mmCIF file of all heavy atoms, coordinates in Angstrom:
data_MODEL
# 
_entry.id   MODEL 
# 
loop_
_atom_site.group_PDB 
_atom_site.id 
_atom_site.type_symbol 
_atom_site.label_atom_id 
_atom_site.label_alt_id 
_atom_site.label_comp_id 
_atom_site.label_asym_id 
_atom_site.label_entity_id 
_atom_site.label_seq_id 
_atom_site.pdbx_PDB_ins_code 
_atom_site.Cartn_x 
_atom_site.Cartn_y 
_atom_site.Cartn_z 
_atom_site.occupancy 
_atom_site.B_iso_or_equiv 
_atom_site.pdbx_formal_charge 
_atom_site.auth_seq_id 
_atom_site.auth_comp_id 
_atom_site.auth_asym_id 
_atom_site.auth_atom_id 
_atom_site.pdbx_PDB_model_num 
ATOM 1   N N   . ARG A 1 1  ? 173.106 107.099 102.696 1.00 0.00 ? 1  ARG A N   1 
ATOM 2   C CA  . ARG A 1 1  ? 172.898 107.588 101.427 1.00 0.00 ? 1  ARG A CA  1 
ATOM 3   C C   . ARG A 1 1  ? 171.549 107.252 101.040 1.00 0.00 ? 1  ARG A C   1 
ATOM 4   O O   . ARG A 1 1  ? 170.923 106.259 101.139 1.00 0.00 ? 1  ARG A O   1 
ATOM 5   C CB  . ARG A 1 1  ? 173.922 106.724 100.460 1.00 0.00 ? 1  ARG A CB  1 
ATOM 6   C CG  . ARG A 1 1  ? 175.411 106.807 100.894 1.00 0.00 ? 1  ARG A CG  1 
ATOM 7   C CD  . ARG A 1 1  ? 176.010 108.079 100.811 1.00 0.00 ? 1  ARG A CD  1 
ATOM 8   N NE  . ARG A 1 1  ? 177.349 108.075 101.056 1.00 0.00 ? 1  ARG A NE  1 
ATOM 9   C CZ  . ARG A 1 1  ? 177.966 108.770 102.045 1.00 0.00 ? 1  ARG A CZ  1 
ATOM 10  N NH1 . ARG A 1 1  ? 177.280 109.715 102.695 1.00 0.00 ? 1  ARG A NH1 1 
ATOM 11  N NH2 . ARG A 1 1  ? 179.140 108.740 102.243 1.00 0.00 ? 1  ARG A NH2 1 
ATOM 12  N N   . ARG A 1 2  ? 170.845 108.308 100.527 1.00 0.00 ? 2  ARG A N   1 
ATOM 13  C CA  . ARG A 1 2  ? 169.492 108.171 100.063 1.00 0.00 ? 2  ARG A CA  1 
ATOM 14  C C   . ARG A 1 2  ? 169.389 108.585 98.462  1.00 0.00 ? 2  ARG A C   1 
ATOM 15  O O   . ARG A 1 2  ? 169.991 109.661 98.163  1.00 0.00 ? 2  ARG A O   1 
ATOM 16  C CB  . ARG A 1 2  ? 168.602 108.957 100.930 1.00 0.00 ? 2  ARG A CB  1 
ATOM 17  C CG  . ARG A 1 2  ? 168.204 108.290 102.186 1.00 0.00 ? 2  ARG A CG  1 
ATOM 18  C CD  . ARG A 1 2  ? 167.457 109.183 103.288 1.00 0.00 ? 2  ARG A CD  1 
ATOM 19  N NE  . ARG A 1 2  ? 166.127 109.626 102.662 1.00 0.00 ? 2  ARG A NE  1 
ATOM 20  C CZ  . ARG A 1 2  ? 165.267 110.260 103.492 1.00 0.00 ? 2  ARG A CZ  1 
ATOM 21  N NH1 . ARG A 1 2  ? 165.650 110.682 104.702 1.00 0.00 ? 2  ARG A NH1 1 
ATOM 22  N NH2 . ARG A 1 2  ? 164.112 110.660 102.986 1.00 0.00 ? 2  ARG A NH2 1 
ATOM 23  N N   . PHE A 1 3  ? 168.774 107.739 97.726  1.00 0.00 ? 3  PHE A N   1 
ATOM 24  C CA  . PHE A 1 3  ? 168.643 107.865 96.240  1.00 0.00 ? 3  PHE A CA  1 
ATOM 25  C C   . PHE A 1 3  ? 167.181 107.805 95.912  1.00 0.00 ? 3  PHE A C   1 
ATOM 26  O O   . PHE A 1 3  ? 166.594 107.104 96.310  1.00 0.00 ? 3  PHE A O   1 
ATOM 27  C CB  . PHE A 1 3  ? 169.465 106.858 95.623  1.00 0.00 ? 3  PHE A CB  1 
ATOM 28  C CG  . PHE A 1 3  ? 170.765 106.528 96.140  1.00 0.00 ? 3  PHE A CG  1 
ATOM 29  C CD1 . PHE A 1 3  ? 171.160 105.249 96.432  1.00 0.00 ? 3  PHE A CD1 1 
ATOM 30  C CD2 . PHE A 1 3  ? 171.749 107.598 96.206  1.00 0.00 ? 3  PHE A CD2 1 
ATOM 31  C CE1 . PHE A 1 3  ? 172.395 104.836 96.924  1.00 0.00 ? 3  PHE A CE1 1 
ATOM 32  C CE2 . PHE A 1 3  ? 173.083 107.156 96.852  1.00 0.00 ? 3  PHE A CE2 1 
ATOM 33  C CZ  . PHE A 1 3  ? 173.326 105.915 97.123  1.00 0.00 ? 3  PHE A CZ  1 
ATOM 34  N N   . TRP A 1 4  ? 166.911 108.799 94.912  1.00 0.00 ? 4  TRP A N   1 
ATOM 35  C CA  . TRP A 1 4  ? 165.713 108.509 94.247  1.00 0.00 ? 4  TRP A CA  1 
ATOM 36  C C   . TRP A 1 4  ? 165.751 107.207 93.409  1.00 0.00 ? 4  TRP A C   1 
ATOM 37  O O   . TRP A 1 4  ? 166.779 106.942 92.781  1.00 0.00 ? 4  TRP A O   1 
ATOM 38  C CB  . TRP A 1 4  ? 165.372 109.687 93.108  1.00 0.00 ? 4  TRP A CB  1 
ATOM 39  C CG  . TRP A 1 4  ? 165.038 111.099 93.786  1.00 0.00 ? 4  TRP A CG  1 
ATOM 40  C CD1 . TRP A 1 4  ? 165.657 112.186 93.453  1.00 0.00 ? 4  TRP A CD1 1 
ATOM 41  C CD2 . TRP A 1 4  ? 164.029 111.401 94.641  1.00 0.00 ? 4  TRP A CD2 1 
ATOM 42  N NE1 . TRP A 1 4  ? 165.044 113.285 94.065  1.00 0.00 ? 4  TRP A NE1 1 
ATOM 43  C CE2 . TRP A 1 4  ? 164.054 112.811 94.757  1.00 0.00 ? 4  TRP A CE2 1 
ATOM 44  C CE3 . TRP A 1 4  ? 162.992 110.684 95.256  1.00 0.00 ? 4  TRP A CE3 1 
ATOM 45  C CZ2 . TRP A 1 4  ? 163.180 113.448 95.690  1.00 0.00 ? 4  TRP A CZ2 1 
ATOM 46  C CZ3 . TRP A 1 4  ? 162.169 111.345 96.182  1.00 0.00 ? 4  TRP A CZ3 1 
ATOM 47  C CH2 . TRP A 1 4  ? 162.146 112.724 96.404  1.00 0.00 ? 4  TRP A CH2 1 
ATOM 48  N N   . VAL A 1 5  ? 164.773 106.501 93.500  1.00 0.00 ? 5  VAL A N   1 
ATOM 49  C CA  . VAL A 1 5  ? 164.540 105.349 92.656  1.00 0.00 ? 5  VAL A CA  1 
ATOM 50  C C   . VAL A 1 5  ? 163.153 105.330 91.889  1.00 0.00 ? 5  VAL A C   1 
ATOM 51  O O   . VAL A 1 5  ? 162.311 106.162 92.321  1.00 0.00 ? 5  VAL A O   1 
ATOM 52  C CB  . VAL A 1 5  ? 164.797 103.990 93.418  1.00 0.00 ? 5  VAL A CB  1 
ATOM 53  C CG1 . VAL A 1 5  ? 166.250 103.916 93.779  1.00 0.00 ? 5  VAL A CG1 1 
ATOM 54  C CG2 . VAL A 1 5  ? 163.845 103.912 94.691  1.00 0.00 ? 5  VAL A CG2 1 
ATOM 55  N N   . GLY A 1 6  ? 162.828 104.369 91.050  1.00 0.00 ? 6  GLY A N   1 
ATOM 56  C CA  . GLY A 1 6  ? 161.810 104.445 90.160  1.00 0.00 ? 6  GLY A CA  1 
ATOM 57  C C   . GLY A 1 6  ? 160.352 104.009 90.649  1.00 0.00 ? 6  GLY A C   1 
ATOM 58  O O   . GLY A 1 6  ? 159.760 103.247 89.901  1.00 0.00 ? 6  GLY A O   1 
ATOM 59  N N   . TYR A 1 7  ? 160.188 104.381 91.799  1.00 0.00 ? 7  TYR A N   1 
ATOM 60  C CA  . TYR A 1 7  ? 158.742 104.005 92.355  1.00 0.00 ? 7  TYR A CA  1 
ATOM 61  C C   . TYR A 1 7  ? 158.025 105.203 92.888  1.00 0.00 ? 7  TYR A C   1 
ATOM 62  O O   . TYR A 1 7  ? 158.807 106.257 93.314  1.00 0.00 ? 7  TYR A O   1 
ATOM 63  C CB  . TYR A 1 7  ? 158.873 102.954 93.555  1.00 0.00 ? 7  TYR A CB  1 
ATOM 64  C CG  . TYR A 1 7  ? 159.562 101.549 93.192  1.00 0.00 ? 7  TYR A CG  1 
ATOM 65  C CD1 . TYR A 1 7  ? 160.951 101.473 93.398  1.00 0.00 ? 7  TYR A CD1 1 
ATOM 66  C CD2 . TYR A 1 7  ? 158.831 100.592 92.675  1.00 0.00 ? 7  TYR A CD2 1 
ATOM 67  C CE1 . TYR A 1 7  ? 161.539 100.363 92.950  1.00 0.00 ? 7  TYR A CE1 1 
ATOM 68  C CE2 . TYR A 1 7  ? 159.409 99.431  92.317  1.00 0.00 ? 7  TYR A CE2 1 
ATOM 69  C CZ  . TYR A 1 7  ? 160.768 99.278  92.501  1.00 0.00 ? 7  TYR A CZ  1 
ATOM 70  O OH  . TYR A 1 7  ? 161.449 98.110  92.197  1.00 0.00 ? 7  TYR A OH  1 
ATOM 71  N N   . GLN A 1 8  ? 156.754 105.086 92.985  1.00 0.00 ? 8  GLN A N   1 
ATOM 72  C CA  . GLN A 1 8  ? 155.867 106.259 93.564  1.00 0.00 ? 8  GLN A CA  1 
ATOM 73  C C   . GLN A 1 8  ? 154.881 105.601 94.591  1.00 0.00 ? 8  GLN A C   1 
ATOM 74  O O   . GLN A 1 8  ? 154.334 104.550 94.273  1.00 0.00 ? 8  GLN A O   1 
ATOM 75  C CB  . GLN A 1 8  ? 155.196 107.012 92.535  1.00 0.00 ? 8  GLN A CB  1 
ATOM 76  C CG  . GLN A 1 8  ? 156.229 107.877 91.680  1.00 0.00 ? 8  GLN A CG  1 
ATOM 77  C CD  . GLN A 1 8  ? 155.578 108.587 90.549  1.00 0.00 ? 8  GLN A CD  1 
ATOM 78  O OE1 . GLN A 1 8  ? 154.490 108.210 90.056  1.00 0.00 ? 8  GLN A OE1 1 
ATOM 79  N NE2 . GLN A 1 8  ? 156.146 109.674 90.147  1.00 0.00 ? 8  GLN A NE2 1 
ATOM 80  N N   . TYR A 1 9  ? 154.692 106.395 95.700  1.00 0.00 ? 9  TYR A N   1 
ATOM 81  C CA  . TYR A 1 9  ? 153.720 105.913 96.675  1.00 0.00 ? 9  TYR A CA  1 
ATOM 82  C C   . TYR A 1 9  ? 152.431 106.692 96.449  1.00 0.00 ? 9  TYR A C   1 
ATOM 83  O O   . TYR A 1 9  ? 152.460 107.953 96.675  1.00 0.00 ? 9  TYR A O   1 
ATOM 84  C CB  . TYR A 1 9  ? 154.216 106.123 98.082  1.00 0.00 ? 9  TYR A CB  1 
ATOM 85  C CG  . TYR A 1 9  ? 153.497 105.370 99.167  1.00 0.00 ? 9  TYR A CG  1 
ATOM 86  C CD1 . TYR A 1 9  ? 153.547 104.023 99.435  1.00 0.00 ? 9  TYR A CD1 1 
ATOM 87  C CD2 . TYR A 1 9  ? 152.505 106.113 99.930  1.00 0.00 ? 9  TYR A CD2 1 
ATOM 88  C CE1 . TYR A 1 9  ? 152.754 103.558 100.423 1.00 0.00 ? 9  TYR A CE1 1 
ATOM 89  C CE2 . TYR A 1 9  ? 151.802 105.624 100.910 1.00 0.00 ? 9  TYR A CE2 1 
ATOM 90  C CZ  . TYR A 1 9  ? 151.893 104.275 101.217 1.00 0.00 ? 9  TYR A CZ  1 
ATOM 91  O OH  . TYR A 1 9  ? 151.184 103.701 102.083 1.00 0.00 ? 9  TYR A OH  1 
ATOM 92  N N   . VAL A 1 10 ? 151.369 106.004 96.166  1.00 0.00 ? 10 VAL A N   1 
ATOM 93  C CA  . VAL A 1 10 ? 150.045 106.761 95.925  1.00 0.00 ? 10 VAL A CA  1 
ATOM 94  C C   . VAL A 1 10 ? 149.178 106.604 97.142  1.00 0.00 ? 10 VAL A C   1 
ATOM 95  O O   . VAL A 1 10 ? 148.814 105.543 97.713  1.00 0.00 ? 10 VAL A O   1 
ATOM 96  C CB  . VAL A 1 10 ? 149.256 106.056 94.733  1.00 0.00 ? 10 VAL A CB  1 
ATOM 97  C CG1 . VAL A 1 10 ? 147.972 106.762 94.482  1.00 0.00 ? 10 VAL A CG1 1 
ATOM 98  C CG2 . VAL A 1 10 ? 150.129 105.934 93.493  1.00 0.00 ? 10 VAL A CG2 1 
ATOM 99  N N   . ILE A 1 11 ? 148.880 107.804 97.741  1.00 0.00 ? 11 ILE A N   1 
ATOM 100 C CA  . ILE A 1 11 ? 148.159 107.888 98.804  1.00 0.00 ? 11 ILE A CA  1 
ATOM 101 C C   . ILE A 1 11 ? 146.602 107.633 98.665  1.00 0.00 ? 11 ILE A C   1 
ATOM 102 O O   . ILE A 1 11 ? 146.086 108.398 97.883  1.00 0.00 ? 11 ILE A O   1 
ATOM 103 C CB  . ILE A 1 11 ? 148.375 109.239 99.697  1.00 0.00 ? 11 ILE A CB  1 
ATOM 104 C CG1 . ILE A 1 11 ? 149.816 109.400 99.968  1.00 0.00 ? 11 ILE A CG1 1 
ATOM 105 C CG2 . ILE A 1 11 ? 147.493 109.269 100.926 1.00 0.00 ? 11 ILE A CG2 1 
ATOM 106 C CD1 . ILE A 1 11 ? 150.169 110.630 100.637 1.00 0.00 ? 11 ILE A CD1 1 
ATOM 107 N N   . THR A 1 12 ? 145.919 106.802 99.301  1.00 0.00 ? 12 THR A N   1 
ATOM 108 C CA  . THR A 1 12 ? 144.503 106.542 99.105  1.00 0.00 ? 12 THR A CA  1 
ATOM 109 C C   . THR A 1 12 ? 143.708 106.916 100.298 1.00 0.00 ? 12 THR A C   1 
ATOM 110 O O   . THR A 1 12 ? 142.513 107.135 100.129 1.00 0.00 ? 12 THR A O   1 
ATOM 111 C CB  . THR A 1 12 ? 144.397 105.074 98.877  1.00 0.00 ? 12 THR A CB  1 
ATOM 112 O OG1 . THR A 1 12 ? 144.861 104.283 99.957  1.00 0.00 ? 12 THR A OG1 1 
ATOM 113 C CG2 . THR A 1 12 ? 144.996 104.605 97.498  1.00 0.00 ? 12 THR A CG2 1 
ATOM 114 N N   . ASN A 1 13 ? 144.310 107.207 101.426 1.00 0.00 ? 13 ASN A N   1 
ATOM 115 C CA  . ASN A 1 13 ? 143.540 107.631 102.612 1.00 0.00 ? 13 ASN A CA  1 
ATOM 116 C C   . ASN A 1 13 ? 144.403 108.304 103.565 1.00 0.00 ? 13 ASN A C   1 
ATOM 117 O O   . ASN A 1 13 ? 145.511 107.983 103.859 1.00 0.00 ? 13 ASN A O   1 
ATOM 118 C CB  . ASN A 1 13 ? 143.085 106.301 103.357 1.00 0.00 ? 13 ASN A CB  1 
ATOM 119 C CG  . ASN A 1 13 ? 141.939 106.622 104.516 1.00 0.00 ? 13 ASN A CG  1 
ATOM 120 O OD1 . ASN A 1 13 ? 141.979 107.770 104.881 1.00 0.00 ? 13 ASN A OD1 1 
ATOM 121 N ND2 . ASN A 1 13 ? 141.212 105.665 104.803 1.00 0.00 ? 13 ASN A ND2 1 
ATOM 122 N N   . ARG A 1 14 ? 143.992 109.512 104.042 1.00 0.00 ? 14 ARG A N   1 
ATOM 123 C CA  . ARG A 1 14 ? 144.727 110.416 104.898 1.00 0.00 ? 14 ARG A CA  1 
ATOM 124 C C   . ARG A 1 14 ? 144.114 110.549 106.352 1.00 0.00 ? 14 ARG A C   1 
ATOM 125 O O   . ARG A 1 14 ? 144.073 111.579 106.810 1.00 0.00 ? 14 ARG A O   1 
ATOM 126 C CB  . ARG A 1 14 ? 144.796 111.809 104.320 1.00 0.00 ? 14 ARG A CB  1 
ATOM 127 C CG  . ARG A 1 14 ? 145.786 111.933 103.173 1.00 0.00 ? 14 ARG A CG  1 
ATOM 128 C CD  . ARG A 1 14 ? 145.856 113.447 102.744 1.00 0.00 ? 14 ARG A CD  1 
ATOM 129 N NE  . ARG A 1 14 ? 147.022 113.628 101.755 1.00 0.00 ? 14 ARG A NE  1 
ATOM 130 C CZ  . ARG A 1 14 ? 148.159 113.971 102.179 1.00 0.00 ? 14 ARG A CZ  1 
ATOM 131 N NH1 . ARG A 1 14 ? 148.466 114.160 103.360 1.00 0.00 ? 14 ARG A NH1 1 
ATOM 132 N NH2 . ARG A 1 14 ? 149.081 114.189 101.221 1.00 0.00 ? 14 ARG A NH2 1 
ATOM 133 N N   . ASN A 1 15 ? 143.666 109.448 106.838 1.00 0.00 ? 15 ASN A N   1 
ATOM 134 C CA  . ASN A 1 15 ? 143.284 109.442 108.266 1.00 0.00 ? 15 ASN A CA  1 
ATOM 135 C C   . ASN A 1 15 ? 144.322 109.639 109.270 1.00 0.00 ? 15 ASN A C   1 
ATOM 136 O O   . ASN A 1 15 ? 145.328 110.213 109.066 1.00 0.00 ? 15 ASN A O   1 
ATOM 137 C CB  . ASN A 1 15 ? 142.412 108.137 108.451 1.00 0.00 ? 15 ASN A CB  1 
ATOM 138 C CG  . ASN A 1 15 ? 141.131 108.176 107.901 1.00 0.00 ? 15 ASN A CG  1 
ATOM 139 O OD1 . ASN A 1 15 ? 140.619 109.307 107.527 1.00 0.00 ? 15 ASN A OD1 1 
ATOM 140 N ND2 . ASN A 1 15 ? 140.479 107.000 107.582 1.00 0.00 ? 15 ASN A ND2 1 
ATOM 141 N N   . HIS A 1 16 ? 144.304 108.811 110.412 1.00 0.00 ? 16 HIS A N   1 
ATOM 142 C CA  . HIS A 1 16 ? 145.383 109.006 111.386 1.00 0.00 ? 16 HIS A CA  1 
ATOM 143 C C   . HIS A 1 16 ? 146.754 108.538 110.866 1.00 0.00 ? 16 HIS A C   1 
ATOM 144 O O   . HIS A 1 16 ? 147.772 109.132 111.128 1.00 0.00 ? 16 HIS A O   1 
ATOM 145 C CB  . HIS A 1 16 ? 144.966 108.101 112.600 1.00 0.00 ? 16 HIS A CB  1 
ATOM 146 C CG  . HIS A 1 16 ? 143.752 108.711 113.214 1.00 0.00 ? 16 HIS A CG  1 
ATOM 147 N ND1 . HIS A 1 16 ? 143.660 109.954 113.757 1.00 0.00 ? 16 HIS A ND1 1 
ATOM 148 C CD2 . HIS A 1 16 ? 142.504 108.102 113.319 1.00 0.00 ? 16 HIS A CD2 1 
ATOM 149 C CE1 . HIS A 1 16 ? 142.420 110.073 114.290 1.00 0.00 ? 16 HIS A CE1 1 
ATOM 150 N NE2 . HIS A 1 16 ? 141.689 109.068 114.019 1.00 0.00 ? 16 HIS A NE2 1 
ATOM 151 N N   . SER A 1 17 ? 146.796 107.459 110.084 1.00 0.00 ? 17 SER A N   1 
ATOM 152 C CA  . SER A 1 17 ? 147.956 107.099 109.298 1.00 0.00 ? 17 SER A CA  1 
ATOM 153 C C   . SER A 1 17 ? 147.765 107.081 107.830 1.00 0.00 ? 17 SER A C   1 
ATOM 154 O O   . SER A 1 17 ? 146.734 106.823 107.327 1.00 0.00 ? 17 SER A O   1 
ATOM 155 C CB  . SER A 1 17 ? 148.402 105.630 109.702 1.00 0.00 ? 17 SER A CB  1 
ATOM 156 O OG  . SER A 1 17 ? 147.276 104.733 109.430 1.00 0.00 ? 17 SER A OG  1 
ATOM 157 N N   . LEU A 1 18 ? 148.796 107.475 107.095 1.00 0.00 ? 18 LEU A N   1 
ATOM 158 C CA  . LEU A 1 18 ? 148.652 107.668 105.634 1.00 0.00 ? 18 LEU A CA  1 
ATOM 159 C C   . LEU A 1 18 ? 148.615 106.068 105.076 1.00 0.00 ? 18 LEU A C   1 
ATOM 160 O O   . LEU A 1 18 ? 149.448 105.314 105.370 1.00 0.00 ? 18 LEU A O   1 
ATOM 161 C CB  . LEU A 1 18 ? 149.950 108.306 105.112 1.00 0.00 ? 18 LEU A CB  1 
ATOM 162 C CG  . LEU A 1 18 ? 150.033 109.771 105.347 1.00 0.00 ? 18 LEU A CG  1 
ATOM 163 C CD1 . LEU A 1 18 ? 151.215 110.368 104.807 1.00 0.00 ? 18 LEU A CD1 1 
ATOM 164 C CD2 . LEU A 1 18 ? 148.798 110.462 104.836 1.00 0.00 ? 18 LEU A CD2 1 
ATOM 165 N N   . GLU A 1 19 ? 147.521 105.796 104.324 1.00 0.00 ? 19 GLU A N   1 
ATOM 166 C CA  . GLU A 1 19 ? 147.445 104.483 103.729 1.00 0.00 ? 19 GLU A CA  1 
ATOM 167 C C   . GLU A 1 19 ? 147.533 104.852 102.175 1.00 0.00 ? 19 GLU A C   1 
ATOM 168 O O   . GLU A 1 19 ? 147.164 105.735 101.605 1.00 0.00 ? 19 GLU A O   1 
ATOM 169 C CB  . GLU A 1 19 ? 145.969 103.991 103.971 1.00 0.00 ? 19 GLU A CB  1 
ATOM 170 C CG  . GLU A 1 19 ? 145.758 103.792 105.364 1.00 0.00 ? 19 GLU A CG  1 
ATOM 171 C CD  . GLU A 1 19 ? 144.311 103.157 105.742 1.00 0.00 ? 19 GLU A CD  1 
ATOM 172 O OE1 . GLU A 1 19 ? 143.651 102.987 104.627 1.00 0.00 ? 19 GLU A OE1 1 
ATOM 173 O OE2 . GLU A 1 19 ? 144.026 103.144 106.826 1.00 0.00 ? 19 GLU A OE2 1 
ATOM 174 N N   . GLY A 1 20 ? 148.120 103.772 101.447 1.00 0.00 ? 20 GLY A N   1 
ATOM 175 C CA  . GLY A 1 20 ? 148.358 103.881 100.011 1.00 0.00 ? 20 GLY A CA  1 
ATOM 176 C C   . GLY A 1 20 ? 149.137 102.574 99.571  1.00 0.00 ? 20 GLY A C   1 
ATOM 177 O O   . GLY A 1 20 ? 149.204 101.561 100.258 1.00 0.00 ? 20 GLY A O   1 
ATOM 178 N N   . HIS A 1 21 ? 149.654 102.695 98.448  1.00 0.00 ? 21 HIS A N   1 
ATOM 179 C CA  . HIS A 1 21 ? 150.420 101.518 97.772  1.00 0.00 ? 21 HIS A CA  1 
ATOM 180 C C   . HIS A 1 21 ? 151.458 102.048 96.912  1.00 0.00 ? 21 HIS A C   1 
ATOM 181 O O   . HIS A 1 21 ? 151.395 103.168 96.297  1.00 0.00 ? 21 HIS A O   1 
ATOM 182 C CB  . HIS A 1 21 ? 149.497 100.612 97.096  1.00 0.00 ? 21 HIS A CB  1 
ATOM 183 C CG  . HIS A 1 21 ? 148.610 101.231 95.973  1.00 0.00 ? 21 HIS A CG  1 
ATOM 184 N ND1 . HIS A 1 21 ? 147.602 102.033 96.128  1.00 0.00 ? 21 HIS A ND1 1 
ATOM 185 C CD2 . HIS A 1 21 ? 149.007 101.466 94.657  1.00 0.00 ? 21 HIS A CD2 1 
ATOM 186 C CE1 . HIS A 1 21 ? 147.128 102.592 95.035  1.00 0.00 ? 21 HIS A CE1 1 
ATOM 187 N NE2 . HIS A 1 21 ? 148.140 102.184 93.979  1.00 0.00 ? 21 HIS A NE2 1 
ATOM 188 N N   . TRP A 1 22 ? 152.502 101.166 96.753  1.00 0.00 ? 22 TRP A N   1 
ATOM 189 C CA  . TRP A 1 22 ? 153.565 101.555 95.802  1.00 0.00 ? 22 TRP A CA  1 
ATOM 190 C C   . TRP A 1 22 ? 153.218 101.043 94.403  1.00 0.00 ? 22 TRP A C   1 
ATOM 191 O O   . TRP A 1 22 ? 152.417 100.121 94.108  1.00 0.00 ? 22 TRP A O   1 
ATOM 192 C CB  . TRP A 1 22 ? 154.870 100.584 96.187  1.00 0.00 ? 22 TRP A CB  1 
ATOM 193 C CG  . TRP A 1 22 ? 155.582 101.183 97.387  1.00 0.00 ? 22 TRP A CG  1 
ATOM 194 C CD1 . TRP A 1 22 ? 155.706 100.607 98.639  1.00 0.00 ? 22 TRP A CD1 1 
ATOM 195 C CD2 . TRP A 1 22 ? 156.332 102.343 97.633  1.00 0.00 ? 22 TRP A CD2 1 
ATOM 196 N NE1 . TRP A 1 22 ? 156.517 101.190 99.450  1.00 0.00 ? 22 TRP A NE1 1 
ATOM 197 C CE2 . TRP A 1 22 ? 156.913 102.460 98.761  1.00 0.00 ? 22 TRP A CE2 1 
ATOM 198 C CE3 . TRP A 1 22 ? 156.694 103.484 96.691  1.00 0.00 ? 22 TRP A CE3 1 
ATOM 199 C CZ2 . TRP A 1 22 ? 157.806 103.332 99.351  1.00 0.00 ? 22 TRP A CZ2 1 
ATOM 200 C CZ3 . TRP A 1 22 ? 157.490 104.377 97.103  1.00 0.00 ? 22 TRP A CZ3 1 
ATOM 201 C CH2 . TRP A 1 22 ? 157.928 104.462 98.427  1.00 0.00 ? 22 TRP A CH2 1 
ATOM 202 N N   . GLU A 1 23 ? 153.748 101.946 93.484  1.00 0.00 ? 23 GLU A N   1 
ATOM 203 C CA  . GLU A 1 23 ? 153.583 101.579 92.005  1.00 0.00 ? 23 GLU A CA  1 
ATOM 204 C C   . GLU A 1 23 ? 154.793 101.802 91.358  1.00 0.00 ? 23 GLU A C   1 
ATOM 205 O O   . GLU A 1 23 ? 155.603 102.617 91.774  1.00 0.00 ? 23 GLU A O   1 
ATOM 206 C CB  . GLU A 1 23 ? 152.503 102.433 91.289  1.00 0.00 ? 23 GLU A CB  1 
ATOM 207 C CG  . GLU A 1 23 ? 151.097 102.310 91.640  1.00 0.00 ? 23 GLU A CG  1 
ATOM 208 C CD  . GLU A 1 23 ? 150.090 103.004 90.988  1.00 0.00 ? 23 GLU A CD  1 
ATOM 209 O OE1 . GLU A 1 23 ? 150.515 103.874 90.112  1.00 0.00 ? 23 GLU A OE1 1 
ATOM 210 O OE2 . GLU A 1 23 ? 148.883 103.005 91.218  1.00 0.00 ? 23 GLU A OE2 1 
ATOM 211 N N   . VAL A 1 24 ? 155.084 101.005 90.312  1.00 0.00 ? 24 VAL A N   1 
ATOM 212 C CA  . VAL A 1 24 ? 156.336 101.204 89.437  1.00 0.00 ? 24 VAL A CA  1 
ATOM 213 C C   . VAL A 1 24 ? 155.999 102.613 88.637  1.00 0.00 ? 24 VAL A C   1 
ATOM 214 O O   . VAL A 1 24 ? 154.894 102.793 88.055  1.00 0.00 ? 24 VAL A O   1 
ATOM 215 C CB  . VAL A 1 24 ? 156.582 100.088 88.502  1.00 0.00 ? 24 VAL A CB  1 
ATOM 216 C CG1 . VAL A 1 24 ? 157.685 100.497 87.542  1.00 0.00 ? 24 VAL A CG1 1 
ATOM 217 C CG2 . VAL A 1 24 ? 156.864 98.833  89.343  1.00 0.00 ? 24 VAL A CG2 1 
# 
């Protein structure tokens, strides 16, 4: 089961691997 929950992942770098951080 997969549900939307109240967090968003902000991408800060799109090199070989996606870098970023979670925010409420």
